[in-house]
N, C-alpha and C. Protein backbone atom coordinates (compact mmCIF):
# COMPACT_ATOMS: atom_id res chain seq x y z
N UNK A 1 0.84 -1.18 0.00
CA UNK A 1 0.00 0.00 0.00
C UNK A 1 0.89 1.24 0.00
N UNK A 2 0.60 2.18 -0.85
CA UNK A 2 1.40 3.40 -0.98
C UNK A 2 0.61 4.57 -0.42
N UNK A 3 1.22 5.31 0.49
CA UNK A 3 0.56 6.49 1.07
C UNK A 3 1.10 7.74 0.39
N UNK A 4 0.21 8.62 -0.03
CA UNK A 4 0.62 9.82 -0.75
C UNK A 4 1.38 10.79 0.16
N UNK A 5 1.04 10.84 1.44
CA UNK A 5 1.66 11.80 2.36
C UNK A 5 2.83 11.21 3.15
N UNK A 6 3.20 9.99 2.86
CA UNK A 6 4.29 9.36 3.60
C UNK A 6 5.61 10.05 3.26
N UNK A 7 6.44 10.24 4.26
CA UNK A 7 7.74 10.87 4.02
C UNK A 7 8.82 9.80 3.99
N UNK A 8 9.81 10.04 3.19
CA UNK A 8 10.91 9.09 3.11
C UNK A 8 11.84 9.31 4.29
N UNK A 9 12.61 8.30 4.69
CA UNK A 9 13.53 8.45 5.83
C UNK A 9 14.55 9.55 5.63
N UNK A 10 14.89 9.86 4.37
CA UNK A 10 15.87 10.92 4.12
C UNK A 10 15.32 12.29 4.51
N UNK A 11 14.02 12.48 4.43
CA UNK A 11 13.41 13.78 4.71
C UNK A 11 13.04 13.96 6.18
N UNK A 12 13.18 12.94 6.99
CA UNK A 12 12.78 13.05 8.40
C UNK A 12 13.96 13.36 9.31
N UNK A 13 15.06 13.80 8.75
CA UNK A 13 16.23 14.14 9.58
C UNK A 13 15.92 15.38 10.40
N UNK A 14 16.31 15.38 11.65
CA UNK A 14 16.10 16.53 12.53
C UNK A 14 17.38 17.34 12.63
N UNK A 15 17.22 18.64 12.75
CA UNK A 15 18.39 19.50 12.94
C UNK A 15 18.86 19.40 14.38
N UNK A 16 20.16 19.30 14.57
CA UNK A 16 20.74 19.25 15.90
C UNK A 16 21.15 20.66 16.30
N UNK A 17 20.53 21.18 17.37
CA UNK A 17 20.86 22.53 17.80
C UNK A 17 21.80 22.53 19.01
N UNK A 18 22.49 21.45 19.25
CA UNK A 18 23.47 21.40 20.33
C UNK A 18 22.87 21.26 21.71
N UNK A 19 21.62 20.84 21.82
CA UNK A 19 20.99 20.66 23.13
C UNK A 19 20.39 21.94 23.70
N UNK A 20 20.37 23.00 22.95
CA UNK A 20 19.82 24.28 23.42
C UNK A 20 18.40 24.46 22.90
N UNK A 21 17.59 25.15 23.70
CA UNK A 21 16.24 25.47 23.27
C UNK A 21 16.27 26.74 22.43
N UNK A 22 15.22 26.93 21.66
CA UNK A 22 15.11 28.17 20.91
C UNK A 22 14.82 29.30 21.89
N UNK A 23 15.39 30.45 21.64
CA UNK A 23 15.18 31.58 22.54
C UNK A 23 16.14 31.51 23.71
N UNK A 24 15.70 31.96 24.87
CA UNK A 24 16.55 31.98 26.06
C UNK A 24 16.74 30.60 26.65
N UNK A 25 17.85 30.41 27.30
CA UNK A 25 18.14 29.13 27.93
C UNK A 25 17.53 29.11 29.32
N UNK A 26 16.58 28.22 29.55
CA UNK A 26 15.88 28.17 30.83
C UNK A 26 16.71 27.55 31.94
N UNK A 27 17.84 26.96 31.60
CA UNK A 27 18.67 26.32 32.62
C UNK A 27 19.50 27.31 33.40
N UNK A 28 19.60 28.54 32.90
CA UNK A 28 20.35 29.56 33.63
C UNK A 28 19.48 30.06 34.77
N UNK A 29 19.99 29.98 35.98
CA UNK A 29 19.19 30.30 37.16
C UNK A 29 20.07 31.01 38.17
N UNK A 30 19.55 32.05 38.78
CA UNK A 30 20.31 32.74 39.82
C UNK A 30 19.66 32.50 41.17
N UNK A 31 20.48 32.35 42.18
CA UNK A 31 20.01 32.05 43.53
C UNK A 31 19.95 33.29 44.41
N UNK A 32 20.21 34.47 43.86
CA UNK A 32 20.28 35.67 44.68
C UNK A 32 19.01 35.92 45.48
N UNK A 33 17.86 35.68 44.93
CA UNK A 33 16.61 35.90 45.64
C UNK A 33 16.30 34.84 46.67
N UNK A 34 17.05 33.77 46.69
CA UNK A 34 16.78 32.65 47.59
C UNK A 34 17.78 32.56 48.73
N UNK A 35 18.84 33.31 48.67
CA UNK A 35 19.85 33.30 49.73
C UNK A 35 19.40 34.26 50.83
N UNK A 36 19.21 33.78 52.07
CA UNK A 36 18.70 34.65 53.14
C UNK A 36 19.51 35.92 53.35
N UNK A 37 20.82 35.86 53.17
CA UNK A 37 21.66 37.04 53.39
C UNK A 37 21.39 38.13 52.35
N UNK A 38 20.85 37.77 51.21
CA UNK A 38 20.63 38.74 50.14
C UNK A 38 19.17 39.16 50.02
N UNK A 39 18.31 38.69 50.89
CA UNK A 39 16.92 39.11 50.85
C UNK A 39 16.78 40.50 51.45
N UNK A 40 15.62 41.10 51.24
CA UNK A 40 15.40 42.48 51.69
C UNK A 40 15.27 42.58 53.20
N UNK A 41 14.95 41.49 53.88
CA UNK A 41 14.76 41.53 55.32
C UNK A 41 13.31 41.78 55.70
N UNK A 42 12.50 42.17 54.74
CA UNK A 42 11.09 42.42 55.00
C UNK A 42 10.34 41.09 55.04
N UNK A 43 9.47 40.95 56.03
CA UNK A 43 8.68 39.73 56.14
C UNK A 43 7.60 39.76 55.07
N UNK A 44 7.49 38.70 54.29
CA UNK A 44 6.52 38.68 53.20
C UNK A 44 5.14 38.25 53.65
N UNK A 45 5.02 37.72 54.85
CA UNK A 45 3.72 37.30 55.35
C UNK A 45 2.93 38.50 55.84
N UNK A 46 1.63 38.41 55.74
CA UNK A 46 0.78 39.47 56.27
C UNK A 46 -0.35 38.81 57.08
N UNK A 47 -0.82 39.50 58.09
CA UNK A 47 -1.90 38.95 58.90
C UNK A 47 -1.39 37.92 59.88
N UNK A 48 -2.33 37.15 60.39
CA UNK A 48 -1.99 36.12 61.37
C UNK A 48 -1.40 34.90 60.68
N UNK A 49 -0.48 34.28 61.35
CA UNK A 49 0.11 33.05 60.84
C UNK A 49 -0.78 31.91 61.27
N UNK A 50 -1.42 31.25 60.34
CA UNK A 50 -2.39 30.20 60.69
C UNK A 50 -1.73 28.98 61.31
N UNK A 51 -0.42 28.85 61.19
CA UNK A 51 0.26 27.71 61.80
C UNK A 51 0.37 27.87 63.31
N UNK A 52 0.20 29.08 63.81
CA UNK A 52 0.34 29.31 65.24
C UNK A 52 -0.98 29.19 65.99
N UNK A 53 -2.07 28.88 65.29
CA UNK A 53 -3.37 28.74 65.95
C UNK A 53 -3.35 27.52 66.86
N UNK A 54 -4.06 27.63 67.97
CA UNK A 54 -4.19 26.50 68.87
C UNK A 54 -5.16 25.50 68.29
N UNK A 55 -4.81 24.25 68.39
CA UNK A 55 -5.69 23.20 67.88
C UNK A 55 -6.56 22.69 69.01
N UNK A 56 -7.85 22.70 68.78
CA UNK A 56 -8.81 22.20 69.77
C UNK A 56 -9.38 20.91 69.24
N UNK A 57 -9.30 19.84 70.07
CA UNK A 57 -9.82 18.56 69.59
C UNK A 57 -11.12 18.21 70.25
């Protein structure tokens, strides 16, 4: 059976881009915002901390 839209193996070659994604590289990551010494010092929580509520059983 012959398919009209079938591609030959020669035409299915993929371009090798060296393992990089198109556009920006998402693997580049900075830890500056996650290091406690480099944070602003401002507490990001607001209101009551629900973890400190007393549990009544």
